[in-house]
Amino acid sequence: MVQPKTILNSLPKALKTIDLPGIGKKHQGKVRDFYVLEDKRVTVTTDRQSAFDIILGTIPFKGAVLNQLAAFWFEKTKNIVPNHMISVPDPNVLVSKNCKPVPVEMVVRGYLSGVTKTSVWYSYEKGEREIYGITFPDGLKKNQKLPQPVITPTTHPEAGSAKHDERLTRGEIIKQKIVEKKLYEQMEKVSLELFTVGQKWSEEHGLILVDTKYEFGIYDDKLMLIDEIHTPDSSRFWIAETYNDRIKQKLEPENFDKEYLRLWYAKRGYRGDGTPPKLTEELAVELSQRYIKTYEMLTGKKFKPFTYPIEDRIKQNLKQAGIL
């Protein structure tokens, strides 16, 4: 495990953003900077920490964990659906096919959980039973496993836009032709297959994959998995070993994902409105260690820490790859 002192020393120099000269305009999402080079996309996963649709600060080593873990899963699931990955020239960089994004995000949920306003539990707790066009029975409890995974799609605004994800139903997507019926049905099938593989692998490695999101794009008229897959940013993970005992004791499951951050803010009365509390150094260390531990549990590999700043390293690796 990377020591707290290493993380604290890295905190002032964590990667907030990067400017790459000579390869065009920089685009920014919540945590990624990307550049488009004809039919390719060069994406740098920064250490920016987002939640509630805002940037809260930076977490050392987070970008490298997300990028390398996504690459691990892209390789593992390419037999289910093609993905956009071409190469990983740097721990924080992915070179990919430049796909046209599908404007719907596929959120797959295996458990009734969550604290954000788009979560199923948030609506269920308020008494709603028809959520995302899906009917849920009475009597369900928080963090309970659902009889089968459900898909709760949302809109997916362009990276860098001020728009937030908004709920959709399957019927709305098809009726409004946001996505053509045949393509959407393919996305549903693929999403559930990816989730099944993710749940099985995670459980074999000590984690429960609670829910996740998948993003898709089109390249040469084919459906492609894009962005990231089964990372602590895109997914919720719980510790499998302690889940049953903690549920019996009516405690929150032990999580190894961004939910720890959301719960930290929720306990301080913040759920996305107004000015958020400051992300403390103590929280930054805890989050960094959790991201790293998730990577190590899922991949079976030891995470290799590095010395910040990393901008020069990224540029040098991109030069060696013939991109800069």
Protein backbone atom coordinates (compact mmCIF):
# COMPACT_ATOMS: atom_id res chain seq x y z
CA MET A 1 0.00 0.00 0.00
CA VAL A 2 1.22 3.50 -0.85
CA GLN A 3 2.10 5.27 2.40
CA PRO A 4 0.06 8.31 3.58
CA LYS A 5 3.23 10.46 3.59
CA THR A 6 3.81 9.72 -0.12
CA ILE A 7 0.22 10.71 -0.91
CA LEU A 8 0.39 13.88 1.18
CA ASN A 9 3.67 14.93 -0.46
CA SER A 10 2.10 14.34 -3.87
CA LEU A 11 -1.09 16.27 -3.12
CA PRO A 12 0.13 19.78 -4.11
CA LYS A 13 1.47 18.46 -7.44
CA ALA A 14 -1.36 16.06 -8.39
CA LEU A 15 -2.43 16.35 -12.02
CA LYS A 16 -5.20 18.94 -12.36
CA THR A 17 -4.97 19.33 -16.14
CA ILE A 18 -2.40 19.17 -18.93
CA ASP A 19 -1.72 21.14 -22.10
CA LEU A 20 -0.26 19.11 -24.96
CA PRO A 21 1.25 21.37 -27.64
CA GLY A 22 0.72 20.81 -31.35
CA ILE A 23 -2.13 18.31 -31.31
CA GLY A 24 -5.13 20.61 -31.44
CA LYS A 25 -7.77 21.85 -29.05
CA LYS A 26 -8.04 20.53 -25.51
CA HIS A 27 -11.46 19.24 -24.49
CA GLN A 28 -12.32 18.64 -20.84
CA GLY A 29 -14.73 16.30 -19.11
CA LYS A 30 -15.11 15.93 -15.37
CA VAL A 31 -11.83 14.09 -14.84
CA ARG A 32 -10.37 13.67 -18.34
CA ASP A 33 -8.66 15.99 -20.79
CA PHE A 34 -8.74 14.80 -24.38
CA TYR A 35 -7.49 15.77 -27.81
CA VAL A 36 -8.91 14.60 -31.14
CA LEU A 37 -6.44 13.58 -33.87
CA GLU A 38 -8.47 12.70 -36.97
CA ASP A 39 -9.82 9.21 -36.21
CA LYS A 40 -8.00 8.91 -32.87
CA ARG A 41 -8.51 10.39 -29.45
CA VAL A 42 -5.75 11.01 -26.91
CA THR A 43 -7.23 11.00 -23.40
CA VAL A 44 -5.35 12.00 -20.25
CA THR A 45 -7.02 10.84 -17.04
CA THR A 46 -6.21 13.51 -14.48
CA ASP A 47 -6.38 13.33 -10.68
CA ARG A 48 -9.44 15.57 -10.54
CA GLN A 49 -12.08 14.27 -8.11
CA SER A 50 -15.68 14.84 -9.11
CA ALA A 51 -18.96 14.01 -7.39
CA PHE A 52 -22.42 15.54 -7.48
CA ASP A 53 -21.47 16.80 -10.97
CA ILE A 54 -18.79 19.19 -9.63
CA ILE A 55 -15.00 19.08 -9.16
CA LEU A 56 -14.12 18.81 -5.47
CA GLY A 57 -10.31 18.67 -5.64
CA THR A 58 -7.52 16.28 -6.68
CA ILE A 59 -6.53 12.82 -5.44
CA PRO A 60 -2.92 11.67 -6.08
CA PHE A 61 -2.54 8.52 -8.23
CA LYS A 62 -6.28 8.42 -8.97
CA GLY A 63 -5.88 9.14 -12.69
CA ALA A 64 -3.35 6.36 -13.19
CA VAL A 65 -5.56 3.89 -11.30
CA LEU A 66 -8.63 4.72 -13.38
CA ASN A 67 -6.76 4.59 -16.69
CA GLN A 68 -4.93 1.33 -16.02
CA LEU A 69 -7.95 -0.39 -14.47
CA ALA A 70 -10.13 0.58 -17.44
CA ALA A 71 -7.45 -0.82 -19.80
CA PHE A 72 -7.47 -4.07 -17.78
CA TRP A 73 -11.24 -4.41 -18.18
CA PHE A 74 -11.24 -3.38 -21.86
CA GLU A 75 -8.87 -6.25 -22.54
CA LYS A 76 -10.90 -8.68 -20.44
CA THR A 77 -14.28 -7.87 -22.05
CA LYS A 78 -13.37 -7.32 -25.72
CA ASN A 79 -14.97 -10.67 -26.61
CA ILE A 80 -18.36 -9.32 -25.45
CA VAL A 81 -18.24 -6.00 -27.31
CA PRO A 82 -15.47 -4.16 -29.18
CA ASN A 83 -14.01 -1.17 -27.31
CA HIS A 84 -12.22 2.00 -28.31
CA MET A 85 -8.80 1.22 -26.76
CA ILE A 86 -5.77 1.29 -29.10
CA SER A 87 -2.85 1.72 -26.68
CA VAL A 88 -1.76 2.93 -23.22
CA PRO A 89 1.50 4.89 -23.83
CA ASP A 90 1.56 6.28 -20.27
CA PRO A 91 -0.08 5.23 -16.97
CA ASN A 92 -2.42 8.24 -17.29
CA VAL A 93 -3.00 8.17 -21.06
CA LEU A 94 -5.26 6.17 -23.36
CA VAL A 95 -5.10 6.38 -27.15
CA SER A 96 -8.40 5.27 -28.60
CA LYS A 97 -10.61 5.26 -31.66
CA ASN A 98 -12.50 8.53 -31.95
CA CYS A 99 -16.05 7.23 -31.64
CA LYS A 100 -19.27 9.19 -31.97
CA PRO A 101 -20.80 8.99 -28.46
CA VAL A 102 -24.27 7.53 -28.02
CA PRO A 103 -26.24 10.12 -25.98
CA VAL A 104 -27.48 7.58 -23.42
CA GLU A 105 -25.55 6.24 -20.43
CA MET A 106 -26.41 2.68 -19.42
CA VAL A 107 -26.53 2.38 -15.63
CA VAL A 108 -26.86 -1.23 -14.42
CA ARG A 109 -27.87 -1.82 -10.80
CA GLY A 110 -27.64 -5.10 -8.91
CA TYR A 111 -28.58 -3.68 -5.49
CA LEU A 112 -30.96 -1.07 -4.12
CA SER A 113 -28.54 1.62 -2.97
CA GLY A 114 -27.15 5.12 -3.44
CA VAL A 115 -27.25 8.61 -1.93
CA THR A 116 -27.44 10.84 -5.01
CA LYS A 117 -30.69 12.21 -6.38
CA THR A 118 -30.45 9.97 -9.46
CA SER A 119 -30.10 6.79 -7.35
CA VAL A 120 -33.00 4.35 -7.12
CA TRP A 121 -32.84 4.27 -3.31
CA TYR A 122 -33.26 8.06 -3.12
CA SER A 123 -36.59 7.77 -4.97
CA TYR A 124 -37.66 4.51 -3.31
CA GLU A 125 -37.12 5.96 0.18
CA LYS A 126 -39.43 8.85 -0.72
CA GLY A 127 -42.19 6.38 -1.57
CA GLU A 128 -41.83 6.13 -5.35
CA ARG A 129 -42.32 2.65 -6.78
CA GLU A 130 -42.26 3.41 -10.52
CA ILE A 131 -38.63 4.47 -11.05
CA TYR A 132 -36.93 4.78 -14.46
CA GLY A 133 -40.02 3.08 -15.89
CA ILE A 134 -39.41 0.01 -13.70
CA THR A 135 -41.88 -1.10 -11.01
CA PHE A 136 -40.28 -1.95 -7.67
CA PRO A 137 -42.20 -3.90 -4.99
CA ASP A 138 -42.90 -2.64 -1.48
CA GLY A 139 -40.78 -3.82 1.44
CA LEU A 140 -37.31 -3.55 -0.07
CA LYS A 141 -34.50 -2.37 2.18
CA LYS A 142 -31.47 -0.22 1.47
CA ASN A 143 -28.43 -2.12 0.12
CA GLN A 144 -30.56 -5.21 -0.61
CA LYS A 145 -29.71 -7.32 -3.66
CA LEU A 146 -32.31 -7.02 -6.41
CA PRO A 147 -33.88 -10.21 -7.84
CA GLN A 148 -32.08 -9.43 -11.09
CA PRO A 149 -30.01 -6.49 -12.33
CA VAL A 150 -31.96 -3.57 -13.79
CA ILE A 151 -30.96 -0.92 -16.32
CA THR A 152 -31.73 2.68 -15.34
CA PRO A 153 -30.55 4.81 -18.29
CA THR A 154 -29.73 8.50 -18.16
CA THR A 155 -28.96 11.18 -20.70
CA HIS A 156 -25.28 11.64 -21.42
CA PRO A 157 -24.42 15.28 -22.23
CA GLU A 158 -21.31 16.16 -24.25
CA ALA A 159 -18.09 16.37 -22.23
CA GLY A 160 -17.57 19.90 -20.94
CA SER A 161 -21.22 20.92 -21.25
CA ALA A 162 -23.00 22.44 -18.26
CA LYS A 163 -25.83 19.90 -18.53
CA HIS A 164 -26.33 17.17 -15.93
CA ASP A 165 -27.31 13.55 -16.43
CA GLU A 166 -31.10 13.18 -16.37
CA ARG A 167 -33.28 10.13 -15.93
CA LEU A 168 -34.71 8.30 -18.92
CA THR A 169 -36.88 5.25 -19.40
CA ARG A 170 -36.51 2.55 -22.03
CA GLY A 171 -39.84 3.64 -23.53
CA GLU A 172 -38.77 7.30 -23.79
CA ILE A 173 -35.49 6.40 -25.47
CA ILE A 174 -37.18 4.31 -28.15
CA LYS A 175 -40.28 6.50 -28.62
CA GLN A 176 -38.27 9.72 -28.92
CA LYS A 177 -35.68 7.93 -31.07
CA ILE A 178 -32.88 9.16 -28.83
CA VAL A 179 -31.33 5.83 -29.82
CA GLU A 180 -32.76 3.56 -32.53
CA LYS A 181 -34.62 0.57 -31.08
CA LYS A 182 -32.29 -2.08 -32.53
CA LEU A 183 -29.18 -0.29 -31.29
CA TYR A 184 -30.66 0.29 -27.85
CA GLU A 185 -31.60 -3.37 -27.53
CA GLN A 186 -27.99 -4.26 -28.41
CA MET A 187 -26.77 -1.84 -25.73
CA GLU A 188 -29.10 -3.47 -23.17
CA LYS A 189 -27.88 -6.98 -24.01
CA VAL A 190 -24.20 -6.00 -23.95
CA SER A 191 -24.57 -4.02 -20.70
CA LEU A 192 -26.10 -6.96 -18.85
CA GLU A 193 -23.41 -9.32 -20.19
CA LEU A 194 -20.66 -6.93 -19.10
CA PHE A 195 -22.25 -6.60 -15.67
CA THR A 196 -22.48 -10.38 -15.23
CA VAL A 197 -18.78 -10.77 -16.08
CA GLY A 198 -17.88 -7.85 -13.81
CA GLN A 199 -19.87 -9.22 -10.87
CA LYS A 200 -18.39 -12.71 -11.18
CA TRP A 201 -14.79 -11.48 -11.47
CA SER A 202 -15.21 -8.97 -8.65
CA GLU A 203 -16.69 -11.57 -6.31
CA GLU A 204 -13.81 -13.95 -7.04
CA HIS A 205 -11.47 -11.13 -5.99
CA GLY A 206 -13.21 -10.14 -2.75
CA LEU A 207 -15.52 -7.39 -4.01
CA ILE A 208 -19.21 -7.01 -4.84
CA LEU A 209 -19.93 -5.01 -8.00
CA VAL A 210 -23.05 -3.19 -6.83
CA ASP A 211 -23.80 -1.02 -9.84
CA THR A 212 -21.99 0.61 -12.72
CA LYS A 213 -22.34 2.72 -15.84
CA TYR A 214 -21.38 1.93 -19.41
CA GLU A 215 -20.88 4.44 -22.18
CA PHE A 216 -21.01 3.53 -25.84
CA GLY A 217 -20.00 5.08 -29.13
CA ILE A 218 -20.23 4.30 -32.82
CA TYR A 219 -17.14 3.69 -34.98
CA ASP A 220 -17.36 2.43 -38.58
CA ASP A 221 -21.08 1.81 -37.95
CA LYS A 222 -20.26 -0.57 -35.07
CA LEU A 223 -21.14 -0.32 -31.40
CA MET A 224 -18.08 0.34 -29.22
CA LEU A 225 -17.61 0.44 -25.46
CA ILE A 226 -15.93 3.76 -24.59
CA ASP A 227 -14.80 5.92 -21.65
CA GLU A 228 -14.07 3.56 -18.71
CA ILE A 229 -15.39 0.29 -17.31
CA HIS A 230 -15.68 -1.16 -13.79
CA THR A 231 -13.55 1.51 -12.10
CA PRO A 232 -14.17 3.06 -8.66
CA ASP A 233 -15.43 6.19 -10.45
CA SER A 234 -17.91 4.45 -12.74
CA SER A 235 -18.94 1.68 -10.33
CA ARG A 236 -19.88 0.99 -6.76
CA PHE A 237 -17.91 -1.78 -5.00
CA TRP A 238 -18.45 -3.35 -1.58
CA ILE A 239 -16.21 -5.68 0.43
CA ALA A 240 -17.76 -9.13 -0.08
CA GLU A 241 -16.47 -10.72 3.14
CA THR A 242 -18.24 -8.31 5.51
CA TYR A 243 -21.41 -7.55 3.50
CA ASN A 244 -23.82 -10.00 5.20
CA ASP A 245 -22.73 -9.19 8.75
CA ARG A 246 -22.96 -5.44 8.20
CA ILE A 247 -26.43 -5.71 6.66
CA LYS A 248 -27.60 -7.78 9.67
CA GLN A 249 -26.25 -5.05 11.96
CA LYS A 250 -28.02 -2.41 9.82
CA LEU A 251 -24.69 -0.82 8.93
CA GLU A 252 -23.61 0.52 5.55
CA PRO A 253 -21.57 -2.05 3.57
CA GLU A 254 -17.82 -1.46 3.46
CA ASN A 255 -17.27 0.29 0.15
CA PHE A 256 -14.20 0.71 -2.00
CA ASP A 257 -15.37 3.31 -4.46
CA LYS A 258 -16.51 6.90 -4.84
CA GLU A 259 -19.51 6.21 -2.58
CA TYR A 260 -17.21 6.68 0.43
CA LEU A 261 -16.72 10.25 -0.77
CA ARG A 262 -20.45 10.83 -1.37
CA LEU A 263 -21.31 9.49 2.08
CA TRP A 264 -18.63 11.71 3.65
CA TYR A 265 -20.31 14.75 2.08
CA ALA A 266 -23.84 13.52 2.81
CA LYS A 267 -22.97 13.19 6.52
CA ARG A 268 -22.02 16.86 6.44
CA GLY A 269 -25.36 17.79 4.90
CA TYR A 270 -24.17 18.17 1.33
CA ARG A 271 -25.92 16.38 -1.57
CA GLY A 272 -24.99 18.63 -4.47
CA ASP A 273 -26.65 21.97 -3.70
CA GLY A 274 -24.78 25.06 -2.56
CA THR A 275 -21.10 25.25 -1.62
CA PRO A 276 -19.52 21.88 -0.75
CA PRO A 277 -17.36 21.36 2.36
CA LYS A 278 -13.61 21.42 1.66
CA LEU A 279 -12.05 18.09 0.69
CA THR A 280 -9.59 17.53 3.55
CA GLU A 281 -6.06 16.11 3.32
CA GLU A 282 -7.18 13.18 5.48
CA LEU A 283 -10.01 12.39 3.05
CA ALA A 284 -7.65 12.72 0.05
CA VAL A 285 -5.27 10.15 1.58
CA GLU A 286 -8.11 7.75 2.39
CA LEU A 287 -9.56 8.05 -1.12
CA SER A 288 -6.20 7.56 -2.80
CA GLN A 289 -5.54 4.40 -0.79
CA ARG A 290 -9.01 3.06 -1.60
CA TYR A 291 -8.58 3.66 -5.34
CA ILE A 292 -5.21 1.91 -5.26
CA LYS A 293 -6.51 -1.02 -3.19
CA THR A 294 -9.43 -1.55 -5.59
CA TYR A 295 -7.00 -1.67 -8.51
CA GLU A 296 -4.80 -4.19 -6.71
CA MET A 297 -7.70 -6.43 -5.66
CA LEU A 298 -9.26 -6.54 -9.13
CA THR A 299 -6.10 -6.91 -11.22
CA GLY A 300 -3.98 -8.93 -8.81
CA LYS A 301 -1.13 -6.52 -9.57
CA LYS A 302 0.81 -4.24 -7.26
CA PHE A 303 0.24 -0.56 -8.05
CA LYS A 304 3.48 1.24 -8.89
CA PRO A 305 3.58 4.73 -7.35
CA PHE A 306 5.53 7.46 -9.12
CA THR A 307 6.95 10.88 -8.35
CA TYR A 308 4.94 14.01 -9.12
CA PRO A 309 4.78 16.23 -11.11
CA ILE A 310 4.03 13.98 -14.12
CA GLU A 311 3.38 16.43 -16.98
CA ASP A 312 6.89 16.00 -18.44
CA ARG A 313 6.68 12.22 -18.17
CA ILE A 314 3.38 12.19 -20.07
CA LYS A 315 4.78 14.40 -22.82
CA GLN A 316 7.92 12.28 -23.13
CA ASN A 317 5.90 9.06 -23.40
CA LEU A 318 3.64 10.61 -26.02
CA LYS A 319 6.71 11.69 -28.02
CA GLN A 320 8.09 8.15 -27.89
CA ALA A 321 4.71 6.88 -29.11
CA GLY A 322 4.87 9.28 -32.08
CA ILE A 323 1.88 11.33 -30.93
CA LEU A 324 3.67 14.58 -29.99
